[in-house]
Amino acid sequence: MVVIIKTLADIKHIKNQLSKINNIKAFNAQKFCGVVKLKSSPIDIQNKLRDEWN
């Protein structure tokens, strides 16, 4: 999320904008760590997908 605070903004406006950031639920990427089990090496998979090396 991007919050734009202009240079002439007062403290009340800045605190209001920053409080919006704290209410956002973050994405839990750790939940998906290690989920994909590969049968071959990532480089071999990449070469097959690109199909430009052989």
N, C-alpha and C. Protein backbone atom coordinates (compact mmCIF):
# COMPACT_ATOMS: atom_id res chain seq x y z
N MET A 1 0.84 -1.17 0.00
CA MET A 1 0.00 0.00 0.00
C MET A 1 0.88 1.24 0.00
N VAL A 2 0.48 2.21 -0.74
CA VAL A 2 1.23 3.46 -0.83
C VAL A 2 0.39 4.56 -0.20
N VAL A 3 1.01 5.32 0.68
CA VAL A 3 0.36 6.47 1.30
C VAL A 3 1.12 7.70 0.87
N ILE A 4 0.41 8.64 0.29
CA ILE A 4 1.03 9.88 -0.17
C ILE A 4 0.71 10.97 0.84
N ILE A 5 1.77 11.55 1.40
CA ILE A 5 1.63 12.64 2.35
C ILE A 5 2.30 13.87 1.75
N LYS A 6 1.53 14.89 1.55
CA LYS A 6 2.05 16.11 0.95
C LYS A 6 2.83 16.92 1.98
N THR A 7 3.70 17.77 1.51
CA THR A 7 4.58 18.52 2.40
C THR A 7 3.83 19.50 3.29
N LEU A 8 2.70 19.97 2.87
CA LEU A 8 1.95 20.94 3.66
C LEU A 8 0.90 20.28 4.57
N ALA A 9 0.91 18.97 4.69
CA ALA A 9 -0.08 18.27 5.52
C ALA A 9 0.20 18.52 6.99
N ASP A 10 -0.89 18.61 7.76
CA ASP A 10 -0.72 18.82 9.19
C ASP A 10 -0.57 17.47 9.90
N ILE A 11 -0.22 17.51 11.16
CA ILE A 11 0.06 16.32 11.94
C ILE A 11 -1.18 15.42 12.04
N LYS A 12 -2.34 16.01 12.16
CA LYS A 12 -3.58 15.24 12.27
C LYS A 12 -3.81 14.39 11.01
N HIS A 13 -3.57 15.00 9.86
CA HIS A 13 -3.73 14.29 8.59
C HIS A 13 -2.70 13.17 8.45
N ILE A 14 -1.47 13.42 8.86
CA ILE A 14 -0.40 12.41 8.77
C ILE A 14 -0.72 11.22 9.68
N LYS A 15 -1.15 11.48 10.89
CA LYS A 15 -1.50 10.39 11.82
C LYS A 15 -2.69 9.58 11.30
N ASN A 16 -3.62 10.25 10.66
CA ASN A 16 -4.78 9.56 10.08
C ASN A 16 -4.34 8.63 8.96
N GLN A 17 -3.45 9.09 8.11
CA GLN A 17 -2.95 8.26 7.01
C GLN A 17 -2.15 7.08 7.52
N LEU A 18 -1.32 7.29 8.53
CA LEU A 18 -0.51 6.22 9.09
C LEU A 18 -1.35 5.19 9.84
N SER A 19 -2.46 5.60 10.42
CA SER A 19 -3.32 4.65 11.12
C SER A 19 -4.00 3.70 10.13
N LYS A 20 -4.18 4.12 8.89
CA LYS A 20 -4.76 3.24 7.87
C LYS A 20 -3.83 2.08 7.55
N ILE A 21 -2.53 2.32 7.63
CA ILE A 21 -1.55 1.28 7.33
C ILE A 21 -1.61 0.18 8.39
N ASN A 22 -1.77 0.53 9.64
CA ASN A 22 -1.76 -0.44 10.73
C ASN A 22 -2.96 -1.38 10.70
N ASN A 23 -4.04 -0.99 10.05
CA ASN A 23 -5.26 -1.80 10.03
C ASN A 23 -5.27 -2.84 8.92
N ILE A 24 -4.26 -2.85 8.06
CA ILE A 24 -4.23 -3.78 6.92
C ILE A 24 -3.63 -5.10 7.36
N LYS A 25 -4.32 -6.19 7.00
CA LYS A 25 -3.82 -7.53 7.33
C LYS A 25 -2.74 -7.90 6.32
N ALA A 26 -1.61 -8.35 6.81
CA ALA A 26 -0.47 -8.69 5.96
C ALA A 26 -0.64 -10.09 5.38
N PHE A 27 -0.02 -10.34 4.23
CA PHE A 27 -0.03 -11.64 3.59
C PHE A 27 1.00 -12.54 4.25
N ASN A 28 0.59 -13.75 4.63
CA ASN A 28 1.48 -14.68 5.29
C ASN A 28 2.14 -15.58 4.24
N ALA A 29 3.34 -15.24 3.79
CA ALA A 29 4.03 -16.01 2.77
C ALA A 29 4.65 -17.28 3.35
N GLN A 30 4.90 -17.32 4.64
CA GLN A 30 5.50 -18.50 5.28
C GLN A 30 4.58 -19.71 5.15
N LYS A 31 3.30 -19.48 5.01
CA LYS A 31 2.34 -20.57 4.89
C LYS A 31 2.59 -21.41 3.64
N PHE A 32 3.11 -20.79 2.59
CA PHE A 32 3.32 -21.47 1.32
C PHE A 32 4.76 -21.90 1.11
N CYS A 33 5.62 -21.67 2.06
CA CYS A 33 7.03 -22.01 1.93
C CYS A 33 7.20 -23.53 1.94
N GLY A 34 7.84 -24.07 0.90
CA GLY A 34 8.10 -25.50 0.81
C GLY A 34 6.93 -26.33 0.36
N VAL A 35 5.90 -25.73 -0.21
CA VAL A 35 4.70 -26.47 -0.62
C VAL A 35 4.95 -27.24 -1.91
N VAL A 36 5.67 -26.68 -2.85
CA VAL A 36 5.89 -27.31 -4.15
C VAL A 36 7.03 -28.30 -4.04
N LYS A 37 6.75 -29.55 -4.35
CA LYS A 37 7.76 -30.59 -4.35
C LYS A 37 8.17 -30.85 -5.80
N LEU A 38 9.43 -30.62 -6.12
CA LEU A 38 9.92 -30.77 -7.48
C LEU A 38 10.53 -32.15 -7.68
N LYS A 39 10.29 -32.74 -8.87
CA LYS A 39 10.86 -34.04 -9.20
C LYS A 39 12.18 -33.90 -9.94
N SER A 40 12.46 -32.73 -10.47
CA SER A 40 13.74 -32.48 -11.14
C SER A 40 14.27 -31.14 -10.66
N SER A 41 15.47 -30.80 -11.11
CA SER A 41 16.08 -29.56 -10.64
C SER A 41 15.38 -28.35 -11.27
N PRO A 42 15.37 -27.22 -10.58
CA PRO A 42 14.73 -26.02 -11.11
C PRO A 42 15.34 -25.56 -12.44
N ILE A 43 16.63 -25.78 -12.62
CA ILE A 43 17.27 -25.36 -13.88
C ILE A 43 16.76 -26.21 -15.04
N ASP A 44 16.57 -27.52 -14.83
CA ASP A 44 16.02 -28.37 -15.87
C ASP A 44 14.60 -27.96 -16.24
N ILE A 45 13.81 -27.63 -15.24
CA ILE A 45 12.43 -27.19 -15.50
C ILE A 45 12.44 -25.88 -16.28
N GLN A 46 13.32 -24.99 -15.91
CA GLN A 46 13.41 -23.69 -16.60
C GLN A 46 13.84 -23.87 -18.05
N ASN A 47 14.79 -24.77 -18.28
CA ASN A 47 15.23 -25.03 -19.66
C ASN A 47 14.11 -25.62 -20.50
N LYS A 48 13.32 -26.52 -19.95
CA LYS A 48 12.20 -27.11 -20.68
C LYS A 48 11.14 -26.07 -20.99
N LEU A 49 10.87 -25.17 -20.04
CA LEU A 49 9.86 -24.14 -20.27
C LEU A 49 10.30 -23.14 -21.34
N ARG A 50 11.54 -22.79 -21.32
CA ARG A 50 12.03 -21.81 -22.30
C ARG A 50 12.27 -22.45 -23.66
N ASP A 51 12.69 -23.71 -23.66
CA ASP A 51 12.91 -24.49 -24.88
C ASP A 51 13.82 -23.75 -25.86
N GLU A 52 14.81 -23.09 -25.35
CA GLU A 52 15.73 -22.36 -26.23
C GLU A 52 17.17 -22.80 -26.06
N TRP A 53 17.41 -23.76 -25.18
CA TRP A 53 18.78 -24.14 -24.89
C TRP A 53 19.24 -25.32 -25.73
N ASN A 54 18.34 -26.18 -26.19
CA ASN A 54 18.73 -27.34 -26.99
C ASN A 54 18.24 -27.23 -28.41
